[in-house]
Amino acid sequence: MGEMEITNKIKIIEQLKSQLLSDVSAVFTNMTSDEGDNKNNIDLLADIMIITYFLSEKLGTSYEGLDLKIKNKLKIALLTEEAHSKWRTQLSLLSRHFDI
């Protein structure tokens, strides 16, 4: 990989990190606002997920690799979470979403 390619890759990663922080900040700001705009939060959360996938690829992990890691973490969490925990319900729903 040439020096220019490395420089460009670093620049892209820095841009993605900045956008990620900006979007997370916007979600938190919206949550504390009396006029919390749920539609805007959904857009921001979708952007956060897309950026996460882009970062994963730029850091050397495929989209499929990230999905596999998520699925494995969900499986482990389901095995270790208490049966009647509110998180277990959420973990189960998310696991179904990923067809685990």
N, C-alpha and C. Protein backbone atom coordinates (compact mmCIF):
# COMPACT_ATOMS: atom_id res chain seq x y z
N MET A 1 0.87 -1.17 0.00
CA MET A 1 0.00 0.00 0.00
C MET A 1 0.91 1.22 0.00
N GLY A 2 0.66 2.13 -0.96
CA GLY A 2 1.48 3.32 -1.08
C GLY A 2 1.18 4.35 -0.02
N GLU A 3 2.11 5.29 0.10
CA GLU A 3 1.96 6.34 1.11
C GLU A 3 0.68 7.16 0.91
N MET A 4 0.33 7.45 -0.34
CA MET A 4 -0.89 8.22 -0.63
C MET A 4 -2.14 7.43 -0.24
N GLU A 5 -2.11 6.12 -0.51
CA GLU A 5 -3.25 5.28 -0.15
C GLU A 5 -3.45 5.26 1.36
N ILE A 6 -2.35 5.14 2.10
CA ILE A 6 -2.42 5.13 3.56
C ILE A 6 -2.95 6.47 4.07
N THR A 7 -2.44 7.55 3.50
CA THR A 7 -2.89 8.88 3.91
C THR A 7 -4.38 9.06 3.63
N ASN A 8 -4.82 8.63 2.46
CA ASN A 8 -6.25 8.73 2.11
C ASN A 8 -7.11 7.87 3.04
N LYS A 9 -6.63 6.67 3.36
CA LYS A 9 -7.38 5.78 4.26
C LYS A 9 -7.51 6.42 5.64
N ILE A 10 -6.43 6.99 6.14
CA ILE A 10 -6.46 7.65 7.46
C ILE A 10 -7.43 8.82 7.43
N LYS A 11 -7.41 9.59 6.35
CA LYS A 11 -8.30 10.74 6.21
C LYS A 11 -9.77 10.30 6.24
N ILE A 12 -10.06 9.23 5.53
CA ILE A 12 -11.44 8.70 5.49
C ILE A 12 -11.86 8.23 6.88
N ILE A 13 -10.96 7.51 7.58
CA ILE A 13 -11.27 7.03 8.92
C ILE A 13 -11.54 8.20 9.85
N GLU A 14 -10.74 9.25 9.76
CA GLU A 14 -10.94 10.43 10.61
C GLU A 14 -12.27 11.11 10.30
N GLN A 15 -12.64 11.17 9.02
CA GLN A 15 -13.93 11.76 8.65
C GLN A 15 -15.08 10.93 9.20
N LEU A 16 -14.96 9.61 9.10
CA LEU A 16 -16.00 8.73 9.63
C LEU A 16 -16.12 8.87 11.15
N LYS A 17 -14.99 8.94 11.83
CA LYS A 17 -15.01 9.11 13.29
C LYS A 17 -15.67 10.42 13.67
N SER A 18 -15.35 11.48 12.95
CA SER A 18 -15.96 12.79 13.23
C SER A 18 -17.46 12.75 13.03
N GLN A 19 -17.90 12.14 11.94
CA GLN A 19 -19.33 12.06 11.67
C GLN A 19 -20.03 11.21 12.72
N LEU A 20 -19.38 10.13 13.13
CA LEU A 20 -19.94 9.27 14.17
C LEU A 20 -20.14 10.04 15.47
N LEU A 21 -19.12 10.76 15.89
CA LEU A 21 -19.23 11.56 17.11
C LEU A 21 -20.30 12.64 16.99
N SER A 22 -20.38 13.26 15.84
CA SER A 22 -21.38 14.29 15.61
C SER A 22 -22.79 13.71 15.70
N ASP A 23 -23.00 12.55 15.09
CA ASP A 23 -24.32 11.92 15.10
C ASP A 23 -24.70 11.47 16.51
N VAL A 24 -23.76 10.89 17.24
CA VAL A 24 -24.04 10.46 18.62
C VAL A 24 -24.40 11.68 19.47
N SER A 25 -23.65 12.75 19.29
CA SER A 25 -23.93 13.98 20.03
C SER A 25 -25.33 14.51 19.70
N ALA A 26 -25.70 14.46 18.43
CA ALA A 26 -27.02 14.95 18.01
C ALA A 26 -28.14 14.10 18.63
N VAL A 27 -27.94 12.78 18.71
CA VAL A 27 -28.94 11.92 19.34
C VAL A 27 -29.10 12.30 20.81
N PHE A 28 -27.97 12.47 21.51
CA PHE A 28 -28.04 12.83 22.93
C PHE A 28 -28.69 14.20 23.10
N THR A 29 -28.37 15.13 22.25
CA THR A 29 -28.98 16.46 22.32
C THR A 29 -30.49 16.36 22.12
N ASN A 30 -30.91 15.59 21.14
CA ASN A 30 -32.34 15.40 20.89
C ASN A 30 -33.04 14.74 22.07
N MET A 31 -32.36 13.82 22.73
CA MET A 31 -32.97 13.12 23.87
C MET A 31 -33.21 14.05 25.05
N THR A 32 -32.39 15.06 25.19
CA THR A 32 -32.55 15.98 26.32
C THR A 32 -33.45 17.15 25.98
N SER A 33 -33.81 17.27 24.73
CA SER A 33 -34.66 18.37 24.29
C SER A 33 -36.12 18.06 24.60
N ASP A 34 -36.88 19.09 24.95
CA ASP A 34 -38.31 18.92 25.18
C ASP A 34 -39.03 18.55 23.89
N GLU A 35 -38.44 18.90 22.78
CA GLU A 35 -39.06 18.64 21.48
C GLU A 35 -38.35 17.49 20.78
N GLY A 36 -37.91 16.49 21.54
CA GLY A 36 -37.17 15.36 20.99
C GLY A 36 -37.83 14.81 19.73
N ASP A 37 -37.14 14.90 18.63
CA ASP A 37 -37.66 14.49 17.33
C ASP A 37 -37.28 13.05 17.06
N ASN A 38 -38.23 12.12 17.26
CA ASN A 38 -37.96 10.70 17.10
C ASN A 38 -37.57 10.36 15.67
N LYS A 39 -38.20 10.99 14.69
CA LYS A 39 -37.88 10.72 13.29
C LYS A 39 -36.43 11.09 13.01
N ASN A 40 -35.99 12.22 13.53
CA ASN A 40 -34.60 12.63 13.35
C ASN A 40 -33.66 11.66 14.06
N ASN A 41 -34.03 11.19 15.24
CA ASN A 41 -33.20 10.21 15.95
C ASN A 41 -33.06 8.92 15.17
N ILE A 42 -34.13 8.47 14.55
CA ILE A 42 -34.07 7.24 13.75
C ILE A 42 -33.11 7.43 12.58
N ASP A 43 -33.17 8.58 11.93
CA ASP A 43 -32.23 8.87 10.84
C ASP A 43 -30.79 8.86 11.35
N LEU A 44 -30.58 9.50 12.49
CA LEU A 44 -29.24 9.56 13.07
C LEU A 44 -28.74 8.17 13.46
N LEU A 45 -29.59 7.37 14.08
CA LEU A 45 -29.20 6.02 14.47
C LEU A 45 -28.87 5.15 13.25
N ALA A 46 -29.63 5.31 12.18
CA ALA A 46 -29.33 4.59 10.94
C ALA A 46 -27.97 5.03 10.40
N ASP A 47 -27.71 6.33 10.43
CA ASP A 47 -26.40 6.84 9.99
C ASP A 47 -25.28 6.26 10.84
N ILE A 48 -25.49 6.18 12.15
CA ILE A 48 -24.48 5.63 13.06
C ILE A 48 -24.17 4.19 12.69
N MET A 49 -25.19 3.42 12.38
CA MET A 49 -24.97 2.02 12.01
C MET A 49 -24.22 1.90 10.68
N ILE A 50 -24.58 2.73 9.72
CA ILE A 50 -23.88 2.72 8.42
C ILE A 50 -22.42 3.09 8.61
N ILE A 51 -22.17 4.14 9.37
CA ILE A 51 -20.79 4.58 9.62
C ILE A 51 -20.00 3.47 10.31
N THR A 52 -20.64 2.76 11.24
CA THR A 52 -19.98 1.66 11.94
C THR A 52 -19.54 0.58 10.95
N TYR A 53 -20.40 0.25 10.00
CA TYR A 53 -20.03 -0.73 8.98
C TYR A 53 -18.88 -0.21 8.11
N PHE A 54 -18.94 1.07 7.74
CA PHE A 54 -17.86 1.65 6.94
C PHE A 54 -16.53 1.61 7.70
N LEU A 55 -16.58 1.97 8.99
CA LEU A 55 -15.37 1.94 9.81
C LEU A 55 -14.83 0.51 9.92
N SER A 56 -15.72 -0.43 10.09
CA SER A 56 -15.33 -1.83 10.17
C SER A 56 -14.52 -2.23 8.93
N GLU A 57 -15.03 -1.86 7.78
CA GLU A 57 -14.34 -2.19 6.52
C GLU A 57 -13.00 -1.48 6.42
N LYS A 58 -12.96 -0.22 6.79
CA LYS A 58 -11.71 0.55 6.71
C LYS A 58 -10.67 0.03 7.69
N LEU A 59 -11.12 -0.59 8.79
CA LEU A 59 -10.20 -1.14 9.78
C LEU A 59 -9.87 -2.61 9.52
N GLY A 60 -10.31 -3.12 8.37
CA GLY A 60 -9.89 -4.44 7.94
C GLY A 60 -10.85 -5.58 8.21
N THR A 61 -12.08 -5.28 8.61
CA THR A 61 -13.08 -6.32 8.86
C THR A 61 -14.22 -6.15 7.86
N SER A 62 -14.61 -7.24 7.24
CA SER A 62 -15.71 -7.18 6.28
C SER A 62 -17.03 -6.94 6.99
N TYR A 63 -18.03 -6.55 6.20
CA TYR A 63 -19.37 -6.39 6.76
C TYR A 63 -19.84 -7.71 7.35
N GLU A 64 -19.55 -8.80 6.65
CA GLU A 64 -19.94 -10.12 7.13
C GLU A 64 -19.22 -10.46 8.43
N GLY A 65 -17.96 -10.05 8.53
CA GLY A 65 -17.20 -10.28 9.76
C GLY A 65 -17.79 -9.55 10.94
N LEU A 66 -18.23 -8.32 10.69
CA LEU A 66 -18.88 -7.55 11.75
C LEU A 66 -20.20 -8.20 12.15
N ASP A 67 -20.99 -8.63 11.16
CA ASP A 67 -22.25 -9.32 11.46
C ASP A 67 -22.01 -10.57 12.29
N LEU A 68 -20.98 -11.34 11.92
CA LEU A 68 -20.67 -12.57 12.65
C LEU A 68 -20.29 -12.25 14.09
N LYS A 69 -19.50 -11.22 14.30
CA LYS A 69 -19.10 -10.82 15.66
C LYS A 69 -20.33 -10.41 16.47
N ILE A 70 -21.23 -9.65 15.85
CA ILE A 70 -22.46 -9.24 16.53
C ILE A 70 -23.28 -10.47 16.94
N LYS A 71 -23.44 -11.40 16.00
CA LYS A 71 -24.21 -12.61 16.30
C LYS A 71 -23.58 -13.41 17.43
N ASN A 72 -22.26 -13.55 17.40
CA ASN A 72 -21.58 -14.30 18.46
C ASN A 72 -21.75 -13.61 19.82
N LYS A 73 -21.64 -12.29 19.84
CA LYS A 73 -21.81 -11.56 21.10
C LYS A 73 -23.24 -11.71 21.62
N LEU A 74 -24.21 -11.68 20.72
CA LEU A 74 -25.60 -11.87 21.13
C LEU A 74 -25.82 -13.27 21.72
N LYS A 75 -25.24 -14.28 21.08
CA LYS A 75 -25.38 -15.65 21.59
C LYS A 75 -24.80 -15.76 22.99
N ILE A 76 -23.61 -15.21 23.17
CA ILE A 76 -22.96 -15.27 24.49
C ILE A 76 -23.78 -14.51 25.52
N ALA A 77 -24.27 -13.34 25.14
CA ALA A 77 -25.07 -12.53 26.07
C ALA A 77 -26.35 -13.27 26.47
N LEU A 78 -26.97 -13.94 25.52
CA LEU A 78 -28.19 -14.70 25.84
C LEU A 78 -27.90 -15.85 26.80
N LEU A 79 -26.73 -16.45 26.67
CA LEU A 79 -26.37 -17.55 27.56
C LEU A 79 -26.04 -17.08 28.97
N THR A 80 -25.56 -15.86 29.09
CA THR A 80 -25.11 -15.38 30.40
C THR A 80 -26.13 -14.48 31.10
N GLU A 81 -27.10 -13.97 30.37
CA GLU A 81 -28.09 -13.06 30.96
C GLU A 81 -29.13 -13.86 31.75
N GLU A 82 -29.56 -13.33 32.86
CA GLU A 82 -30.57 -14.00 33.68
C GLU A 82 -31.88 -14.14 32.90
N ALA A 83 -32.61 -15.21 33.20
CA ALA A 83 -33.81 -15.58 32.43
C ALA A 83 -34.87 -14.49 32.38
N HIS A 84 -35.09 -13.77 33.45
CA HIS A 84 -36.18 -12.79 33.48
C HIS A 84 -35.68 -11.35 33.42
N SER A 85 -34.49 -11.17 32.96
CA SER A 85 -33.92 -9.83 32.83
C SER A 85 -34.57 -9.09 31.67
N LYS A 86 -34.73 -7.77 31.83
CA LYS A 86 -35.29 -6.98 30.72
C LYS A 86 -34.34 -6.99 29.53
N TRP A 87 -33.03 -7.12 29.79
CA TRP A 87 -32.08 -7.17 28.69
C TRP A 87 -32.19 -8.47 27.91
N ARG A 88 -32.55 -9.54 28.59
CA ARG A 88 -32.69 -10.83 27.89
C ARG A 88 -33.78 -10.72 26.82
N THR A 89 -34.86 -10.04 27.13
CA THR A 89 -35.93 -9.85 26.15
C THR A 89 -35.41 -9.06 24.95
N GLN A 90 -34.69 -7.99 25.23
CA GLN A 90 -34.13 -7.18 24.14
C GLN A 90 -33.12 -7.99 23.32
N LEU A 91 -32.29 -8.76 24.00
CA LEU A 91 -31.31 -9.60 23.32
C LEU A 91 -32.00 -10.63 22.43
N SER A 92 -33.09 -11.20 22.92
CA SER A 92 -33.84 -12.18 22.14
C SER A 92 -34.43 -11.55 20.89
N LEU A 93 -35.00 -10.37 21.05
CA LEU A 93 -35.58 -9.68 19.89
C LEU A 93 -34.50 -9.36 18.85
N LEU A 94 -33.37 -8.88 19.31
CA LEU A 94 -32.29 -8.56 18.39
C LEU A 94 -31.72 -9.81 17.74
N SER A 95 -31.65 -10.89 18.49
CA SER A 95 -31.17 -12.15 17.93
C SER A 95 -32.09 -12.63 16.80
N ARG A 96 -33.39 -12.48 17.01
CA ARG A 96 -34.34 -12.85 15.95
C ARG A 96 -34.12 -12.00 14.71
N HIS A 97 -33.84 -10.72 14.92
CA HIS A 97 -33.57 -9.82 13.80
C HIS A 97 -32.39 -10.32 12.97
N PHE A 98 -31.37 -10.85 13.64
CA PHE A 98 -30.19 -11.37 12.96
C PHE A 98 -30.34 -12.86 12.58
N ASP A 99 -31.54 -13.41 12.75
CA ASP A 99 -31.82 -14.81 12.42
C ASP A 99 -30.87 -15.77 13.13
N ILE A 100 -30.69 -15.55 14.43
CA ILE A 100 -29.82 -16.45 15.21
C ILE A 100 -30.65 -17.58 15.75
